[in-house]
Amino acid sequence: MSWTEEKFGEGKSYLGKTFEFEDFKEAWEFMNEVAEIAEELQHHPNWSNVYNRVTILLNTHDAGDTITDKDREMAKAIDGLFEDESK
């Protein structure tokens, strides 16, 4: 599944994607690894976790809550992490 672009409010948007895991522990481990990426890129997601699912929303607050290259770079890094863990 690819990232979807959603609009909300006046001129605001985000990239969103939900990742599914075997159980809560795997989902939490994924979130910890995404947190490391976020710190490295100094770009932090909006996200939620319900049992084995992690939903991530990316946008750049400093750019008026729109999608920027920072968001696309982070989405690509998160996808790479998920693919590595899925193997």
N, C-alpha and C. Protein backbone atom coordinates (compact mmCIF):
# COMPACT_ATOMS: atom_id res chain seq x y z
N MET A 1 0.84 -1.18 0.00
CA MET A 1 0.00 0.00 0.00
C MET A 1 0.88 1.25 0.00
N SER A 2 0.48 2.22 -0.78
CA SER A 2 1.28 3.44 -0.87
C SER A 2 0.72 4.52 0.06
N TRP A 3 1.49 5.56 0.21
CA TRP A 3 1.06 6.71 0.99
C TRP A 3 -0.05 7.44 0.24
N THR A 4 -1.03 7.93 0.96
CA THR A 4 -2.09 8.70 0.34
C THR A 4 -1.97 10.16 0.76
N GLU A 5 -2.31 11.04 -0.15
CA GLU A 5 -2.30 12.46 0.16
C GLU A 5 -3.72 12.88 0.48
N GLU A 6 -3.90 13.45 1.64
CA GLU A 6 -5.22 13.89 2.09
C GLU A 6 -5.17 15.39 2.38
N LYS A 7 -6.23 16.06 2.03
CA LYS A 7 -6.34 17.49 2.31
C LYS A 7 -7.26 17.68 3.51
N PHE A 8 -6.96 18.69 4.31
CA PHE A 8 -7.81 19.05 5.44
C PHE A 8 -7.68 20.55 5.67
N GLY A 9 -8.74 21.18 6.01
CA GLY A 9 -8.68 22.61 6.28
C GLY A 9 -8.31 23.41 5.04
N GLU A 10 -8.06 24.66 5.23
CA GLU A 10 -7.73 25.60 4.16
C GLU A 10 -6.26 25.45 3.75
N GLY A 11 -6.02 24.79 2.61
CA GLY A 11 -4.67 24.67 2.07
C GLY A 11 -3.74 23.75 2.84
N LYS A 12 -4.27 22.88 3.67
CA LYS A 12 -3.44 21.98 4.46
C LYS A 12 -3.58 20.55 3.93
N SER A 13 -2.51 19.77 4.08
CA SER A 13 -2.54 18.38 3.61
C SER A 13 -1.54 17.54 4.40
N TYR A 14 -1.66 16.24 4.25
CA TYR A 14 -0.71 15.31 4.86
C TYR A 14 -0.61 14.06 4.01
N LEU A 15 0.52 13.36 4.19
CA LEU A 15 0.70 12.02 3.65
C LEU A 15 0.33 11.06 4.75
N GLY A 16 -0.47 10.05 4.44
CA GLY A 16 -0.89 9.10 5.46
C GLY A 16 -0.73 7.66 5.01
N LYS A 17 -0.45 6.79 5.97
CA LYS A 17 -0.33 5.36 5.69
C LYS A 17 -0.50 4.59 6.99
N THR A 18 -1.15 3.41 6.89
CA THR A 18 -1.29 2.52 8.04
C THR A 18 -0.49 1.25 7.78
N PHE A 19 0.31 0.88 8.78
CA PHE A 19 1.14 -0.31 8.72
C PHE A 19 0.56 -1.35 9.67
N GLU A 20 0.56 -2.61 9.25
CA GLU A 20 0.00 -3.68 10.09
C GLU A 20 1.08 -4.70 10.40
N PHE A 21 1.05 -5.18 11.66
CA PHE A 21 2.07 -6.10 12.16
C PHE A 21 1.41 -7.34 12.76
N GLU A 22 2.23 -8.28 13.12
CA GLU A 22 1.76 -9.54 13.72
C GLU A 22 1.06 -9.30 15.06
N ASP A 23 1.63 -8.39 15.87
CA ASP A 23 1.08 -8.14 17.20
C ASP A 23 1.51 -6.76 17.70
N PHE A 24 1.10 -6.42 18.91
CA PHE A 24 1.40 -5.12 19.49
C PHE A 24 2.90 -4.91 19.65
N LYS A 25 3.60 -5.93 20.08
CA LYS A 25 5.05 -5.79 20.32
C LYS A 25 5.78 -5.40 19.03
N GLU A 26 5.45 -6.04 17.92
CA GLU A 26 6.09 -5.70 16.65
C GLU A 26 5.75 -4.27 16.22
N ALA A 27 4.50 -3.88 16.44
CA ALA A 27 4.09 -2.51 16.10
C ALA A 27 4.88 -1.50 16.93
N TRP A 28 5.04 -1.79 18.21
CA TRP A 28 5.76 -0.89 19.11
C TRP A 28 7.24 -0.80 18.72
N GLU A 29 7.84 -1.92 18.38
CA GLU A 29 9.25 -1.92 17.95
C GLU A 29 9.42 -1.07 16.69
N PHE A 30 8.47 -1.18 15.76
CA PHE A 30 8.49 -0.36 14.55
C PHE A 30 8.42 1.12 14.91
N MET A 31 7.54 1.47 15.83
CA MET A 31 7.42 2.86 16.25
C MET A 31 8.72 3.37 16.86
N ASN A 32 9.38 2.53 17.63
CA ASN A 32 10.67 2.94 18.21
C ASN A 32 11.69 3.23 17.12
N GLU A 33 11.71 2.40 16.09
CA GLU A 33 12.66 2.61 15.00
C GLU A 33 12.29 3.83 14.17
N VAL A 34 11.01 4.08 13.97
CA VAL A 34 10.58 5.29 13.28
C VAL A 34 10.98 6.52 14.09
N ALA A 35 10.90 6.43 15.42
CA ALA A 35 11.30 7.54 16.28
C ALA A 35 12.77 7.88 16.07
N GLU A 36 13.60 6.88 15.87
CA GLU A 36 15.03 7.11 15.60
C GLU A 36 15.20 7.87 14.29
N ILE A 37 14.46 7.46 13.27
CA ILE A 37 14.51 8.16 11.98
C ILE A 37 14.05 9.61 12.15
N ALA A 38 12.97 9.80 12.89
CA ALA A 38 12.43 11.15 13.11
C ALA A 38 13.46 12.05 13.78
N GLU A 39 14.14 11.52 14.77
CA GLU A 39 15.18 12.31 15.44
C GLU A 39 16.32 12.64 14.49
N GLU A 40 16.73 11.66 13.70
CA GLU A 40 17.82 11.86 12.75
C GLU A 40 17.46 12.94 11.73
N LEU A 41 16.22 12.91 11.23
CA LEU A 41 15.78 13.87 10.22
C LEU A 41 15.24 15.16 10.83
N GLN A 42 15.10 15.19 12.17
CA GLN A 42 14.48 16.32 12.86
C GLN A 42 13.12 16.65 12.25
N HIS A 43 12.34 15.58 12.06
CA HIS A 43 11.01 15.71 11.46
C HIS A 43 10.12 14.66 12.11
N HIS A 44 9.14 15.09 12.88
CA HIS A 44 8.39 14.18 13.74
C HIS A 44 6.96 13.99 13.24
N PRO A 45 6.52 12.73 13.18
CA PRO A 45 5.19 12.43 12.63
C PRO A 45 4.07 12.62 13.65
N ASN A 46 2.87 12.73 13.11
CA ASN A 46 1.66 12.53 13.90
C ASN A 46 1.33 11.05 13.70
N TRP A 47 1.08 10.34 14.77
CA TRP A 47 0.81 8.91 14.60
C TRP A 47 -0.06 8.37 15.72
N SER A 48 -0.59 7.19 15.45
CA SER A 48 -1.38 6.50 16.47
C SER A 48 -1.12 5.00 16.34
N ASN A 49 -1.37 4.31 17.44
CA ASN A 49 -1.17 2.86 17.48
C ASN A 49 -2.38 2.23 18.14
N VAL A 50 -2.98 1.26 17.45
CA VAL A 50 -4.04 0.44 18.01
C VAL A 50 -3.64 -1.00 17.77
N TYR A 51 -3.30 -1.68 18.86
CA TYR A 51 -2.83 -3.06 18.86
C TYR A 51 -1.74 -3.30 17.81
N ASN A 52 -2.07 -3.87 16.66
CA ASN A 52 -1.03 -4.25 15.70
C ASN A 52 -0.95 -3.28 14.51
N ARG A 53 -1.61 -2.14 14.62
CA ARG A 53 -1.61 -1.17 13.52
C ARG A 53 -1.00 0.15 13.97
N VAL A 54 -0.20 0.72 13.08
CA VAL A 54 0.39 2.03 13.31
C VAL A 54 -0.01 2.91 12.13
N THR A 55 -0.69 4.01 12.42
CA THR A 55 -1.06 4.97 11.39
C THR A 55 -0.17 6.19 11.53
N ILE A 56 0.45 6.59 10.41
CA ILE A 56 1.38 7.72 10.41
C ILE A 56 0.86 8.79 9.46
N LEU A 57 0.86 10.03 9.93
CA LEU A 57 0.50 11.19 9.12
C LEU A 57 1.71 12.13 9.10
N LEU A 58 2.12 12.52 7.90
CA LEU A 58 3.28 13.39 7.75
C LEU A 58 2.88 14.69 7.07
N ASN A 59 3.28 15.79 7.66
CA ASN A 59 3.24 17.09 7.00
C ASN A 59 4.24 17.99 7.71
N THR A 60 4.51 19.14 7.12
CA THR A 60 5.50 20.04 7.68
C THR A 60 4.80 21.24 8.29
N HIS A 61 4.85 21.32 9.60
CA HIS A 61 4.16 22.39 10.33
C HIS A 61 4.71 23.76 9.94
N ASP A 62 6.04 23.86 9.79
CA ASP A 62 6.67 25.13 9.45
C ASP A 62 6.28 25.63 8.06
N ALA A 63 5.72 24.74 7.23
CA ALA A 63 5.30 25.12 5.88
C ALA A 63 3.77 25.20 5.80
N GLY A 64 3.14 25.49 6.93
CA GLY A 64 1.69 25.66 6.95
C GLY A 64 0.92 24.36 6.89
N ASP A 65 1.51 23.30 7.46
CA ASP A 65 0.88 21.98 7.49
C ASP A 65 0.61 21.46 6.08
N THR A 66 1.61 21.59 5.23
CA THR A 66 1.54 21.06 3.88
C THR A 66 2.61 19.97 3.71
N ILE A 67 2.55 19.28 2.61
CA ILE A 67 3.52 18.22 2.30
C ILE A 67 4.72 18.84 1.61
N THR A 68 5.90 18.52 2.13
CA THR A 68 7.14 19.02 1.55
C THR A 68 8.08 17.85 1.27
N ASP A 69 9.25 18.16 0.74
CA ASP A 69 10.26 17.13 0.49
C ASP A 69 10.66 16.41 1.77
N LYS A 70 10.62 17.12 2.91
CA LYS A 70 10.94 16.47 4.19
C LYS A 70 9.99 15.30 4.45
N ASP A 71 8.72 15.50 4.12
CA ASP A 71 7.72 14.45 4.34
C ASP A 71 7.94 13.27 3.41
N ARG A 72 8.24 13.57 2.15
CA ARG A 72 8.49 12.50 1.18
C ARG A 72 9.75 11.72 1.54
N GLU A 73 10.78 12.42 2.03
CA GLU A 73 12.01 11.76 2.45
C GLU A 73 11.73 10.84 3.64
N MET A 74 10.96 11.32 4.59
CA MET A 74 10.65 10.50 5.76
C MET A 74 9.78 9.31 5.38
N ALA A 75 8.81 9.52 4.50
CA ALA A 75 7.95 8.41 4.05
C ALA A 75 8.79 7.32 3.40
N LYS A 76 9.75 7.73 2.59
CA LYS A 76 10.63 6.76 1.92
C LYS A 76 11.47 5.99 2.94
N ALA A 77 11.98 6.68 3.95
CA ALA A 77 12.77 6.02 4.99
C ALA A 77 11.91 5.04 5.79
N ILE A 78 10.67 5.43 6.11
CA ILE A 78 9.77 4.56 6.86
C ILE A 78 9.42 3.33 6.03
N ASP A 79 9.15 3.51 4.73
CA ASP A 79 8.87 2.37 3.87
C ASP A 79 10.05 1.41 3.83
N GLY A 80 11.27 1.93 3.74
CA GLY A 80 12.46 1.09 3.74
C GLY A 80 12.57 0.29 5.03
N LEU A 81 12.29 0.92 6.15
CA LEU A 81 12.32 0.25 7.45
C LEU A 81 11.27 -0.87 7.48
N PHE A 82 10.06 -0.58 7.04
CA PHE A 82 8.99 -1.57 7.05
C PHE A 82 9.34 -2.77 6.14
N GLU A 83 9.89 -2.47 4.98
CA GLU A 83 10.28 -3.56 4.06
C GLU A 83 11.35 -4.43 4.68
N ASP A 84 12.32 -3.82 5.35
CA ASP A 84 13.38 -4.60 6.01
C ASP A 84 12.81 -5.48 7.10
N GLU A 85 11.85 -4.99 7.85
CA GLU A 85 11.27 -5.76 8.95
C GLU A 85 10.34 -6.85 8.44
N SER A 86 9.78 -6.68 7.25
CA SER A 86 8.85 -7.65 6.69
C SER A 86 9.55 -8.88 6.11
N LYS A 87 10.85 -8.80 5.95
CA LYS A 87 11.60 -9.91 5.34
C LYS A 87 11.85 -11.01 6.34
